[in-house]
Amino acid sequence: MAVAPLRRKTVPNEAARRVPRQERAARTLDALLEAAADAFAERGFEAATMTHIAQQAGVSIGAAYQYFPNKDALALALRQRYGDEMDARWSALVEAQAQASGELPLAQLAERLLDMMVELMDAYPAYLPLLSVSLDFRRDAAARNKLRQRFATLFRRYNAALGADDAYRVAEVMLQVIKSLNLLYASAKPKERKLLVAEYKGVLAAWLAVRLA
């Protein structure tokens, strides 16, 4: 069963109050984000406090508030970072396929895409806990569109007769299917997660085979 989102007061998606212009400021921002990620993973979002996060980052609470107005802003910044990294991983896969002499079998494509998602979830322990927190999180529309266009172009290599709009729609649905794994993965017992991912791989591969035939 999916984890019910906690209702939280939303904050602007531009989470960081102060954009780092110097190396020292950038290091402080990174330290705060790393400390926040550890706190959210170990204590949970509700139990984590700005005071604890600042202490773990080695900065004063006043300095922490200069960068982030509250822990919601920290959570938003982390969600943004994780999303950007996932997009970068998928984009790298698409670019590699664009340079390849032949198309990757769809079953392998589905497997790699989902494996990348799982690797990200496992690499960042705060990723899953943050999914259950209701935040006004919105990815940059231009970045989202660019990723979908890349997948659409790749899909037209599999089926040259597929129209641009149809290919984009396939990319949109595919990414939503992959991302729907998140909450199920979060709520599943560790021993069930591998089986869950295997089911998703089979479903995604079969669906892509039909849509790109």
N, C-alpha and C. Protein backbone atom coordinates (compact mmCIF):
# COMPACT_ATOMS: atom_id res chain seq x y z
N MET A 1 0.86 -1.19 0.00
CA MET A 1 0.00 0.00 0.00
C MET A 1 0.89 1.24 0.00
N ALA A 2 0.56 2.25 -0.80
CA ALA A 2 1.36 3.45 -0.89
C ALA A 2 1.30 4.24 0.41
N VAL A 3 2.39 4.93 0.71
CA VAL A 3 2.44 5.72 1.93
C VAL A 3 1.62 6.98 1.75
N ALA A 4 0.71 7.25 2.66
CA ALA A 4 -0.13 8.44 2.57
C ALA A 4 0.72 9.67 2.82
N PRO A 5 0.65 10.66 1.92
CA PRO A 5 1.47 11.85 2.10
C PRO A 5 1.06 12.66 3.32
N LEU A 6 2.06 13.20 4.01
CA LEU A 6 1.80 14.08 5.14
C LEU A 6 1.50 15.47 4.60
N ARG A 7 0.50 16.11 5.11
CA ARG A 7 0.13 17.43 4.63
C ARG A 7 0.99 18.47 5.33
N ARG A 8 1.68 19.26 4.55
CA ARG A 8 2.58 20.26 5.10
C ARG A 8 2.28 21.61 4.49
N LYS A 9 2.63 22.64 5.21
CA LYS A 9 2.54 23.98 4.65
C LYS A 9 3.59 24.11 3.57
N THR A 10 3.19 24.59 2.40
CA THR A 10 4.10 24.65 1.27
C THR A 10 4.95 25.92 1.33
N VAL A 11 6.07 25.86 0.63
CA VAL A 11 6.96 27.01 0.52
C VAL A 11 7.31 27.17 -0.93
N PRO A 12 7.84 28.33 -1.33
CA PRO A 12 8.21 28.52 -2.73
C PRO A 12 9.20 27.47 -3.19
N ASN A 13 9.11 27.07 -4.47
CA ASN A 13 9.99 26.03 -4.98
C ASN A 13 11.44 26.49 -5.05
N GLU A 14 11.70 27.83 -5.09
CA GLU A 14 13.06 28.32 -5.03
C GLU A 14 13.48 28.25 -3.57
N ALA A 15 13.96 27.05 -3.17
CA ALA A 15 14.13 26.77 -1.75
C ALA A 15 15.23 27.60 -1.10
N ALA A 16 16.35 27.70 -1.73
CA ALA A 16 17.48 28.37 -1.09
C ALA A 16 17.28 29.88 -1.12
N ARG A 17 17.42 30.51 0.03
CA ARG A 17 17.25 31.96 0.09
C ARG A 17 18.46 32.68 -0.49
N ARG A 18 19.62 32.11 -0.29
CA ARG A 18 20.83 32.79 -0.70
C ARG A 18 21.55 31.93 -1.73
N VAL A 19 21.72 32.43 -2.92
CA VAL A 19 22.42 31.68 -3.96
C VAL A 19 23.92 31.79 -3.71
N PRO A 20 24.61 30.66 -3.63
CA PRO A 20 26.04 30.72 -3.31
C PRO A 20 26.85 31.34 -4.45
N ARG A 21 27.59 32.40 -4.13
CA ARG A 21 28.40 33.05 -5.15
C ARG A 21 29.89 32.79 -4.93
N GLN A 22 30.22 32.22 -3.81
CA GLN A 22 31.61 31.93 -3.51
C GLN A 22 31.73 30.47 -3.11
N GLU A 23 32.94 29.98 -3.22
CA GLU A 23 33.18 28.57 -2.91
C GLU A 23 32.80 28.23 -1.47
N ARG A 24 33.10 29.12 -0.54
CA ARG A 24 32.77 28.86 0.86
C ARG A 24 31.26 28.76 1.05
N ALA A 25 30.53 29.66 0.42
CA ALA A 25 29.08 29.63 0.53
C ALA A 25 28.52 28.35 -0.07
N ALA A 26 29.10 27.92 -1.19
CA ALA A 26 28.65 26.69 -1.83
C ALA A 26 28.91 25.48 -0.93
N ARG A 27 30.05 25.48 -0.24
CA ARG A 27 30.35 24.38 0.68
C ARG A 27 29.37 24.36 1.85
N THR A 28 29.02 25.54 2.34
CA THR A 28 28.05 25.61 3.44
C THR A 28 26.70 25.08 3.00
N LEU A 29 26.27 25.47 1.82
CA LEU A 29 24.98 25.00 1.30
C LEU A 29 24.99 23.48 1.16
N ASP A 30 26.08 22.95 0.61
CA ASP A 30 26.18 21.49 0.45
C ASP A 30 26.18 20.78 1.80
N ALA A 31 26.87 21.37 2.78
CA ALA A 31 26.92 20.77 4.11
C ALA A 31 25.53 20.73 4.74
N LEU A 32 24.76 21.79 4.55
CA LEU A 32 23.40 21.82 5.08
C LEU A 32 22.52 20.78 4.41
N LEU A 33 22.67 20.64 3.11
CA LEU A 33 21.86 19.66 2.39
C LEU A 33 22.23 18.23 2.80
N GLU A 34 23.52 17.98 2.96
CA GLU A 34 23.95 16.64 3.38
C GLU A 34 23.47 16.33 4.80
N ALA A 35 23.56 17.32 5.68
CA ALA A 35 23.09 17.12 7.05
C ALA A 35 21.58 16.90 7.08
N ALA A 36 20.86 17.64 6.25
CA ALA A 36 19.41 17.49 6.18
C ALA A 36 19.04 16.11 5.66
N ALA A 37 19.76 15.66 4.63
CA ALA A 37 19.48 14.33 4.07
C ALA A 37 19.69 13.25 5.13
N ASP A 38 20.77 13.37 5.90
CA ASP A 38 21.04 12.40 6.97
C ASP A 38 19.94 12.44 8.03
N ALA A 39 19.53 13.65 8.40
CA ALA A 39 18.50 13.79 9.43
C ALA A 39 17.16 13.24 8.97
N PHE A 40 16.79 13.52 7.73
CA PHE A 40 15.51 13.02 7.22
C PHE A 40 15.52 11.50 7.12
N ALA A 41 16.67 10.95 6.73
CA ALA A 41 16.78 9.49 6.59
C ALA A 41 16.77 8.79 7.95
N GLU A 42 17.45 9.38 8.93
CA GLU A 42 17.60 8.72 10.23
C GLU A 42 16.45 9.01 11.19
N ARG A 43 15.95 10.24 11.18
CA ARG A 43 14.93 10.64 12.15
C ARG A 43 13.53 10.74 11.55
N GLY A 44 13.47 10.87 10.23
CA GLY A 44 12.20 11.15 9.59
C GLY A 44 12.01 12.65 9.46
N PHE A 45 11.20 13.07 8.52
CA PHE A 45 11.05 14.50 8.25
C PHE A 45 10.47 15.24 9.45
N GLU A 46 9.42 14.70 10.06
CA GLU A 46 8.75 15.40 11.15
C GLU A 46 9.65 15.59 12.36
N ALA A 47 10.47 14.60 12.67
CA ALA A 47 11.31 14.67 13.87
C ALA A 47 12.57 15.50 13.66
N ALA A 48 12.98 15.67 12.42
CA ALA A 48 14.19 16.45 12.14
C ALA A 48 13.93 17.92 12.45
N THR A 49 14.96 18.59 12.95
CA THR A 49 14.83 20.01 13.27
C THR A 49 15.94 20.81 12.61
N MET A 50 15.67 22.08 12.39
CA MET A 50 16.68 22.95 11.80
C MET A 50 17.90 23.07 12.73
N THR A 51 17.65 23.08 14.03
CA THR A 51 18.76 23.18 14.99
C THR A 51 19.70 21.99 14.86
N HIS A 52 19.14 20.80 14.81
CA HIS A 52 19.97 19.59 14.67
C HIS A 52 20.71 19.60 13.34
N ILE A 53 20.02 19.97 12.28
CA ILE A 53 20.64 19.99 10.95
C ILE A 53 21.80 20.98 10.93
N ALA A 54 21.60 22.16 11.50
CA ALA A 54 22.68 23.16 11.54
C ALA A 54 23.87 22.64 12.33
N GLN A 55 23.60 22.00 13.47
CA GLN A 55 24.69 21.45 14.28
C GLN A 55 25.48 20.40 13.50
N GLN A 56 24.77 19.51 12.82
CA GLN A 56 25.44 18.46 12.05
C GLN A 56 26.24 19.04 10.88
N ALA A 57 25.76 20.15 10.35
CA ALA A 57 26.46 20.79 9.23
C ALA A 57 27.64 21.63 9.70
N GLY A 58 27.70 21.88 11.02
CA GLY A 58 28.79 22.68 11.56
C GLY A 58 28.63 24.17 11.35
N VAL A 59 27.38 24.63 11.28
CA VAL A 59 27.12 26.06 11.10
C VAL A 59 26.14 26.51 12.19
N SER A 60 26.09 27.81 12.41
CA SER A 60 25.15 28.34 13.40
C SER A 60 23.74 28.28 12.85
N ILE A 61 22.76 28.28 13.74
CA ILE A 61 21.37 28.24 13.29
C ILE A 61 21.04 29.50 12.49
N GLY A 62 21.64 30.62 12.88
CA GLY A 62 21.42 31.86 12.13
C GLY A 62 21.93 31.75 10.70
N ALA A 63 23.11 31.15 10.55
CA ALA A 63 23.66 30.97 9.21
C ALA A 63 22.80 30.02 8.39
N ALA A 64 22.29 28.98 9.04
CA ALA A 64 21.43 28.03 8.33
C ALA A 64 20.20 28.71 7.77
N TYR A 65 19.62 29.61 8.57
CA TYR A 65 18.41 30.30 8.12
C TYR A 65 18.70 31.31 7.01
N GLN A 66 19.95 31.71 6.86
CA GLN A 66 20.30 32.59 5.75
C GLN A 66 20.20 31.85 4.42
N TYR A 67 20.38 30.54 4.47
CA TYR A 67 20.31 29.72 3.25
C TYR A 67 18.93 29.11 3.04
N PHE A 68 18.32 28.66 4.11
CA PHE A 68 17.02 27.99 4.00
C PHE A 68 16.09 28.49 5.10
N PRO A 69 14.90 28.96 4.76
CA PRO A 69 13.99 29.51 5.76
C PRO A 69 13.42 28.48 6.72
N ASN A 70 13.39 27.21 6.31
CA ASN A 70 12.84 26.14 7.15
C ASN A 70 13.22 24.79 6.54
N LYS A 71 12.85 23.72 7.22
CA LYS A 71 13.24 22.40 6.74
C LYS A 71 12.46 22.00 5.49
N ASP A 72 11.29 22.61 5.27
CA ASP A 72 10.56 22.36 4.03
C ASP A 72 11.40 22.79 2.83
N ALA A 73 12.08 23.93 2.98
CA ALA A 73 12.93 24.43 1.91
C ALA A 73 14.10 23.49 1.66
N LEU A 74 14.65 22.93 2.73
CA LEU A 74 15.72 21.94 2.58
C LEU A 74 15.21 20.71 1.84
N ALA A 75 14.02 20.27 2.20
CA ALA A 75 13.45 19.09 1.54
C ALA A 75 13.22 19.36 0.06
N LEU A 76 12.74 20.55 -0.26
CA LEU A 76 12.53 20.91 -1.66
C LEU A 76 13.84 20.91 -2.44
N ALA A 77 14.87 21.46 -1.83
CA ALA A 77 16.18 21.51 -2.50
C ALA A 77 16.72 20.10 -2.74
N LEU A 78 16.53 19.22 -1.77
CA LEU A 78 16.97 17.83 -1.95
C LEU A 78 16.17 17.14 -3.04
N ARG A 79 14.85 17.33 -3.03
CA ARG A 79 14.02 16.73 -4.08
C ARG A 79 14.48 17.21 -5.46
N GLN A 80 14.81 18.49 -5.55
CA GLN A 80 15.28 19.04 -6.82
C GLN A 80 16.60 18.39 -7.24
N ARG A 81 17.51 18.23 -6.31
CA ARG A 81 18.80 17.61 -6.62
C ARG A 81 18.63 16.17 -7.08
N TYR A 82 17.80 15.43 -6.37
CA TYR A 82 17.59 14.04 -6.74
C TYR A 82 16.94 13.95 -8.12
N GLY A 83 15.97 14.81 -8.37
CA GLY A 83 15.31 14.80 -9.67
C GLY A 83 16.26 15.15 -10.80
N ASP A 84 17.11 16.14 -10.56
CA ASP A 84 18.09 16.54 -11.57
C ASP A 84 19.06 15.40 -11.87
N GLU A 85 19.48 14.70 -10.82
CA GLU A 85 20.42 13.59 -11.03
C GLU A 85 19.76 12.46 -11.81
N MET A 86 18.49 12.17 -11.49
CA MET A 86 17.80 11.11 -12.21
C MET A 86 17.67 11.46 -13.68
N ASP A 87 17.30 12.71 -13.96
CA ASP A 87 17.19 13.16 -15.34
C ASP A 87 18.53 13.05 -16.06
N ALA A 88 19.61 13.39 -15.37
CA ALA A 88 20.94 13.32 -15.98
C ALA A 88 21.32 11.88 -16.30
N ARG A 89 20.98 10.96 -15.42
CA ARG A 89 21.29 9.55 -15.67
C ARG A 89 20.50 9.03 -16.87
N TRP A 90 19.23 9.34 -16.90
CA TRP A 90 18.41 8.88 -18.02
C TRP A 90 18.85 9.53 -19.33
N SER A 91 19.18 10.81 -19.27
CA SER A 91 19.62 11.51 -20.48
C SER A 91 20.91 10.91 -21.02
N ALA A 92 21.81 10.52 -20.12
CA ALA A 92 23.06 9.89 -20.54
C ALA A 92 22.79 8.57 -21.24
N LEU A 93 21.82 7.82 -20.75
CA LEU A 93 21.45 6.55 -21.39
C LEU A 93 20.89 6.80 -22.78
N VAL A 94 20.02 7.80 -22.89
CA VAL A 94 19.43 8.12 -24.20
C VAL A 94 20.51 8.56 -25.17
N GLU A 95 21.44 9.41 -24.71
CA GLU A 95 22.51 9.88 -25.58
C GLU A 95 23.39 8.72 -26.05
N ALA A 96 23.66 7.79 -25.15
CA ALA A 96 24.47 6.62 -25.53
C ALA A 96 23.76 5.80 -26.59
N GLN A 97 22.45 5.67 -26.46
CA GLN A 97 21.68 4.91 -27.45
C GLN A 97 21.63 5.64 -28.78
N ALA A 98 21.59 6.96 -28.73
CA ALA A 98 21.56 7.75 -29.96
C ALA A 98 22.85 7.57 -30.76
N GLN A 99 23.95 7.30 -30.05
CA GLN A 99 25.25 7.13 -30.72
C GLN A 99 25.49 5.68 -31.13
N ALA A 100 24.67 4.77 -30.60
CA ALA A 100 24.86 3.34 -30.88
C ALA A 100 24.44 3.01 -32.30
N SER A 101 25.02 1.95 -32.84
CA SER A 101 24.72 1.55 -34.22
C SER A 101 23.36 0.87 -34.33
N GLY A 102 22.89 0.26 -33.27
CA GLY A 102 21.60 -0.42 -33.29
C GLY A 102 20.80 -0.11 -32.05
N GLU A 103 19.53 -0.47 -32.08
CA GLU A 103 18.66 -0.20 -30.93
C GLU A 103 18.84 -1.25 -29.84
N LEU A 104 18.83 -0.80 -28.62
CA LEU A 104 18.85 -1.71 -27.48
C LEU A 104 17.51 -2.43 -27.41
N PRO A 105 17.50 -3.76 -27.24
CA PRO A 105 16.22 -4.46 -27.10
C PRO A 105 15.36 -3.80 -26.02
N LEU A 106 14.06 -3.70 -26.27
CA LEU A 106 13.18 -2.98 -25.36
C LEU A 106 13.19 -3.54 -23.95
N ALA A 107 13.33 -4.86 -23.82
CA ALA A 107 13.39 -5.46 -22.49
C ALA A 107 14.61 -4.94 -21.72
N GLN A 108 15.73 -4.79 -22.43
CA GLN A 108 16.93 -4.28 -21.78
C GLN A 108 16.80 -2.79 -21.47
N LEU A 109 16.14 -2.05 -22.37
CA LEU A 109 15.91 -0.63 -22.12
C LEU A 109 15.08 -0.44 -20.86
N ALA A 110 13.98 -1.19 -20.75
CA ALA A 110 13.12 -1.11 -19.57
C ALA A 110 13.91 -1.47 -18.31
N GLU A 111 14.73 -2.50 -18.42
CA GLU A 111 15.52 -2.94 -17.27
C GLU A 111 16.49 -1.86 -16.81
N ARG A 112 17.18 -1.24 -17.76
CA ARG A 112 18.16 -0.22 -17.39
C ARG A 112 17.50 1.01 -16.79
N LEU A 113 16.38 1.43 -17.36
CA LEU A 113 15.69 2.61 -16.85
C LEU A 113 15.24 2.40 -15.41
N LEU A 114 14.67 1.24 -15.14
CA LEU A 114 14.20 0.96 -13.78
C LEU A 114 15.36 0.71 -12.82
N ASP A 115 16.41 0.08 -13.30
CA ASP A 115 17.59 -0.13 -12.44
C ASP A 115 18.17 1.22 -12.02
N MET A 116 18.18 2.18 -12.93
CA MET A 116 18.69 3.51 -12.60
C MET A 116 17.85 4.17 -11.51
N MET A 117 16.53 3.99 -11.60
CA MET A 117 15.64 4.55 -10.59
C MET A 117 15.91 3.92 -9.23
N VAL A 118 16.06 2.60 -9.21
CA VAL A 118 16.31 1.88 -7.96
C VAL A 118 17.67 2.28 -7.39
N GLU A 119 18.68 2.40 -8.25
CA GLU A 119 20.01 2.79 -7.79
C GLU A 119 19.96 4.15 -7.10
N LEU A 120 19.19 5.07 -7.66
CA LEU A 120 19.07 6.40 -7.06
C LEU A 120 18.39 6.32 -5.70
N MET A 121 17.30 5.55 -5.62
CA MET A 121 16.57 5.42 -4.35
C MET A 121 17.45 4.79 -3.28
N ASP A 122 18.26 3.81 -3.68
CA ASP A 122 19.13 3.14 -2.71
C ASP A 122 20.34 3.99 -2.33
N ALA A 123 20.78 4.84 -3.26
CA ALA A 123 21.98 5.66 -3.02
C ALA A 123 21.70 6.80 -2.05
N TYR A 124 20.46 7.28 -2.03
CA TYR A 124 20.10 8.42 -1.19
C TYR A 124 19.01 8.01 -0.21
N PRO A 125 19.37 7.65 1.02
CA PRO A 125 18.38 7.17 1.99
C PRO A 125 17.26 8.17 2.29
N ALA A 126 17.49 9.45 2.03
CA ALA A 126 16.44 10.44 2.30
C ALA A 126 15.41 10.50 1.18
N TYR A 127 15.72 9.90 0.05
CA TYR A 127 14.83 10.01 -1.11
C TYR A 127 13.43 9.48 -0.80
N LEU A 128 13.34 8.27 -0.30
CA LEU A 128 12.03 7.67 -0.05
C LEU A 128 11.27 8.37 1.08
N PRO A 129 11.90 8.69 2.21
CA PRO A 129 11.15 9.41 3.25
C PRO A 129 10.55 10.73 2.76
N LEU A 130 11.24 11.42 1.87
CA LEU A 130 10.74 12.70 1.39
C LEU A 130 9.54 12.55 0.47
N LEU A 131 9.36 11.37 -0.10
CA LEU A 131 8.21 11.16 -0.98
C LEU A 131 6.90 11.21 -0.22
N SER A 132 6.93 10.90 1.07
CA SER A 132 5.71 10.88 1.87
C SER A 132 5.38 12.25 2.46
N VAL A 133 6.19 13.25 2.13
CA VAL A 133 5.96 14.60 2.64
C VAL A 133 5.33 15.43 1.53
N SER A 134 4.19 16.03 1.83
CA SER A 134 3.49 16.84 0.83
C SER A 134 4.13 18.22 0.75
N LEU A 135 4.78 18.49 -0.36
CA LEU A 135 5.44 19.77 -0.59
C LEU A 135 5.02 20.30 -1.95
N ASP A 136 5.08 21.59 -2.11
CA ASP A 136 4.74 22.20 -3.40
C ASP A 136 5.95 22.09 -4.31
N PHE A 137 6.22 20.84 -4.74
CA PHE A 137 7.43 20.57 -5.53
C PHE A 137 7.07 20.51 -7.00
N ARG A 138 7.72 21.35 -7.79
CA ARG A 138 7.47 21.37 -9.23
C ARG A 138 8.80 21.44 -9.96
N ARG A 139 9.03 20.46 -10.80
CA ARG A 139 10.24 20.47 -11.62
C ARG A 139 10.13 21.53 -12.69
N ASP A 140 11.28 22.01 -13.12
CA ASP A 140 11.32 22.99 -14.19
C ASP A 140 10.68 22.43 -15.45
N ALA A 141 9.70 23.14 -15.99
CA ALA A 141 8.94 22.64 -17.14
C ALA A 141 9.84 22.43 -18.36
N ALA A 142 10.78 23.33 -18.57
CA ALA A 142 11.66 23.21 -19.73
C ALA A 142 12.54 21.97 -19.63
N ALA A 143 13.05 21.69 -18.43
CA ALA A 143 13.88 20.51 -18.23
C ALA A 143 13.07 19.23 -18.42
N ARG A 144 11.85 19.22 -17.90
CA ARG A 144 10.98 18.05 -18.05
C ARG A 144 10.68 17.80 -19.52
N ASN A 145 10.40 18.87 -20.24
CA ASN A 145 10.08 18.73 -21.66
C ASN A 145 11.28 18.23 -22.45
N LYS A 146 12.47 18.73 -22.10
CA LYS A 146 13.68 18.32 -22.81
C LYS A 146 13.93 16.82 -22.67
N LEU A 147 13.75 16.29 -21.45
CA LEU A 147 13.95 14.86 -21.23
C LEU A 147 12.95 14.05 -22.04
N ARG A 148 11.70 14.46 -22.04
CA ARG A 148 10.67 13.73 -22.78
C ARG A 148 10.92 13.78 -24.28
N GLN A 149 11.41 14.92 -24.76
CA GLN A 149 11.74 15.03 -26.18
C GLN A 149 12.87 14.08 -26.56
N ARG A 150 13.83 13.93 -25.66
CA ARG A 150 14.94 13.01 -25.93
C ARG A 150 14.45 11.57 -26.04
N PHE A 151 13.57 11.19 -25.12
CA PHE A 151 13.01 9.85 -25.19
C PHE A 151 12.16 9.69 -26.44
N ALA A 152 11.40 10.72 -26.79
CA ALA A 152 10.55 10.65 -27.98
C ALA A 152 11.39 10.42 -29.23
N THR A 153 12.51 11.13 -29.31
CA THR A 153 13.41 10.95 -30.46
C THR A 153 13.95 9.52 -30.50
N LEU A 154 14.32 8.99 -29.33
CA LEU A 154 14.80 7.61 -29.26
C LEU A 154 13.73 6.64 -29.70
N PHE A 155 12.50 6.84 -29.28
CA PHE A 155 11.42 5.92 -29.62
C PHE A 155 11.12 5.91 -31.12
N ARG A 156 11.36 7.02 -31.77
CA ARG A 156 11.12 7.07 -33.23
C ARG A 156 12.20 6.32 -33.99
N ARG A 157 13.30 6.02 -33.32
CA ARG A 157 14.30 5.13 -33.93
C ARG A 157 13.78 3.70 -33.96
N TYR A 158 13.01 3.35 -32.95
CA TYR A 158 12.42 2.01 -32.91
C TYR A 158 11.28 1.88 -33.91
N ASN A 159 10.56 2.96 -34.10
CA ASN A 159 9.41 2.95 -35.02
C ASN A 159 9.36 4.27 -35.75
N ALA A 160 9.90 4.30 -36.96
CA ALA A 160 9.98 5.53 -37.73
C ALA A 160 8.61 6.07 -38.10
N ALA A 161 7.60 5.20 -38.10
CA ALA A 161 6.24 5.63 -38.45
C ALA A 161 5.54 6.33 -37.30
N LEU A 162 6.12 6.29 -36.12
CA LEU A 162 5.50 6.90 -34.95
C LEU A 162 5.60 8.42 -35.05
N GLY A 163 4.46 9.09 -34.96
CA GLY A 163 4.45 10.54 -35.05
C GLY A 163 5.13 11.19 -33.84
N ALA A 164 5.53 12.44 -34.01
CA ALA A 164 6.23 13.14 -32.94
C ALA A 164 5.37 13.26 -31.69
N ASP A 165 4.10 13.59 -31.86
CA ASP A 165 3.20 13.73 -30.71
C ASP A 165 2.99 12.39 -30.01
N ASP A 166 2.84 11.33 -30.80
CA ASP A 166 2.64 10.00 -30.21
C ASP A 166 3.89 9.57 -29.45
N ALA A 167 5.06 9.84 -30.03
CA ALA A 167 6.31 9.46 -29.37
C ALA A 167 6.48 10.21 -28.05
N TYR A 168 6.11 11.48 -28.05
CA TYR A 168 6.20 12.28 -26.83
C TYR A 168 5.24 11.73 -25.77
N ARG A 169 4.05 11.33 -26.21
CA ARG A 169 3.06 10.79 -25.28
C ARG A 169 3.57 9.48 -24.67
N VAL A 170 4.19 8.65 -25.48
CA VAL A 170 4.75 7.39 -24.98
C VAL A 170 5.82 7.70 -23.92
N ALA A 171 6.66 8.69 -24.20
CA ALA A 171 7.69 9.08 -23.24
C ALA A 171 7.07 9.58 -21.93
N GLU A 172 6.03 10.38 -22.05
CA GLU A 172 5.35 10.93 -20.87
C GLU A 172 4.78 9.82 -19.99
N VAL A 173 4.07 8.89 -20.63
CA VAL A 173 3.45 7.80 -19.88
C VAL A 173 4.53 6.89 -19.28
N MET A 174 5.57 6.60 -20.06
CA MET A 174 6.62 5.72 -19.57
C MET A 174 7.27 6.28 -18.30
N LEU A 175 7.57 7.57 -18.30
CA LEU A 175 8.21 8.17 -17.14
C LEU A 175 7.28 8.17 -15.92
N GLN A 176 5.99 8.36 -16.17
CA GLN A 176 5.05 8.31 -15.05
C GLN A 176 4.94 6.90 -14.48
N VAL A 177 4.99 5.91 -15.37
CA VAL A 177 4.96 4.51 -14.91
C VAL A 177 6.18 4.22 -14.04
N ILE A 178 7.35 4.64 -14.51
CA ILE A 178 8.57 4.40 -13.76
C ILE A 178 8.51 5.08 -12.40
N LYS A 179 8.06 6.33 -12.39
CA LYS A 179 8.03 7.08 -11.13
C LYS A 179 6.97 6.55 -10.17
N SER A 180 5.97 5.86 -10.71
CA SER A 180 4.95 5.28 -9.82
C SER A 180 5.54 4.17 -8.96
N LEU A 181 6.72 3.68 -9.35
CA LEU A 181 7.39 2.66 -8.55
C LEU A 181 7.81 3.21 -7.19
N ASN A 182 8.05 4.52 -7.12
CA ASN A 182 8.61 5.12 -5.91
C ASN A 182 7.87 4.76 -4.63
N LEU A 183 6.59 5.11 -4.57
CA LEU A 183 5.84 4.90 -3.33
C LEU A 183 5.64 3.42 -3.03
N LEU A 184 5.44 2.62 -4.07
CA LEU A 184 5.30 1.18 -3.85
C LEU A 184 6.60 0.61 -3.30
N TYR A 185 7.71 1.07 -3.84
CA TYR A 185 9.02 0.61 -3.38
C TYR A 185 9.24 1.03 -1.93
N ALA A 186 8.81 2.24 -1.60
CA ALA A 186 9.01 2.75 -0.24
C ALA A 186 8.22 1.94 0.78
N SER A 187 7.01 1.52 0.42
CA SER A 187 6.15 0.81 1.37
C SER A 187 6.39 -0.70 1.39
N ALA A 188 7.11 -1.21 0.38
CA ALA A 188 7.35 -2.66 0.31
C ALA A 188 8.42 -3.09 1.31
N LYS A 189 8.31 -4.31 1.79
CA LYS A 189 9.33 -4.87 2.65
C LYS A 189 10.59 -5.12 1.81
N PRO A 190 11.77 -5.03 2.42
CA PRO A 190 13.02 -5.19 1.66
C PRO A 190 13.05 -6.43 0.77
N LYS A 191 12.56 -7.56 1.28
CA LYS A 191 12.61 -8.80 0.49
C LYS A 191 11.63 -8.78 -0.68
N GLU A 192 10.64 -7.88 -0.63
CA GLU A 192 9.65 -7.80 -1.70
C GLU A 192 10.05 -6.81 -2.80
N ARG A 193 10.99 -5.96 -2.51
CA ARG A 193 11.33 -4.90 -3.46
C ARG A 193 11.88 -5.44 -4.78
N LYS A 194 12.73 -6.44 -4.70
CA LYS A 194 13.29 -7.01 -5.92
C LYS A 194 12.20 -7.61 -6.79
N LEU A 195 11.24 -8.26 -6.18
CA LEU A 195 10.12 -8.85 -6.93
C LEU A 195 9.26 -7.76 -7.55
N LEU A 196 9.06 -6.69 -6.80
CA LEU A 196 8.27 -5.57 -7.30
C LEU A 196 8.91 -4.94 -8.53
N VAL A 197 10.22 -4.73 -8.46
CA VAL A 197 10.94 -4.14 -9.59
C VAL A 197 10.88 -5.06 -10.80
N ALA A 198 11.00 -6.36 -10.58
CA ALA A 198 10.92 -7.32 -11.68
C ALA A 198 9.56 -7.25 -12.37
N GLU A 199 8.50 -7.08 -11.60
CA GLU A 199 7.16 -6.94 -12.18
C GLU A 199 7.09 -5.69 -13.05
N TYR A 200 7.63 -4.61 -12.54
CA TYR A 200 7.62 -3.36 -13.30
C TYR A 200 8.40 -3.50 -14.60
N LYS A 201 9.53 -4.18 -14.54
CA LYS A 201 10.33 -4.37 -15.76
C LYS A 201 9.54 -5.13 -16.81
N GLY A 202 8.83 -6.17 -16.39
CA GLY A 202 8.03 -6.95 -17.33
C GLY A 202 6.91 -6.14 -17.93
N VAL A 203 6.22 -5.38 -17.09
CA VAL A 203 5.10 -4.56 -17.56
C VAL A 203 5.59 -3.49 -18.52
N LEU A 204 6.66 -2.80 -18.16
CA LEU A 204 7.17 -1.72 -19.00
C LEU A 204 7.68 -2.24 -20.34
N ALA A 205 8.40 -3.35 -20.32
CA ALA A 205 8.92 -3.93 -21.56
C ALA A 205 7.78 -4.35 -22.48
N ALA A 206 6.75 -4.97 -21.92
CA ALA A 206 5.62 -5.43 -22.74
C ALA A 206 4.87 -4.24 -23.32
N TRP A 207 4.67 -3.22 -22.52
CA TRP A 207 3.94 -2.03 -23.01
C TRP A 207 4.72 -1.31 -24.10
N LEU A 208 6.03 -1.14 -23.91
CA LEU A 208 6.84 -0.49 -24.94
C LEU A 208 6.84 -1.30 -26.23
N ALA A 209 6.86 -2.61 -26.11
CA ALA A 209 6.84 -3.46 -27.30
C ALA A 209 5.57 -3.24 -28.11
N VAL A 210 4.46 -3.05 -27.42
CA VAL A 210 3.18 -2.81 -28.11
C VAL A 210 3.16 -1.41 -28.73
N ARG A 211 3.58 -0.40 -27.97
CA ARG A 211 3.50 0.98 -28.45
C ARG A 211 4.51 1.29 -29.54
N LEU A 212 5.64 0.60 -29.53
CA LEU A 212 6.68 0.91 -30.51
C LEU A 212 6.75 -0.10 -31.64
N ALA A 213 5.76 -0.98 -31.69
CA ALA A 213 5.73 -2.01 -32.75
C ALA A 213 5.50 -1.36 -34.11
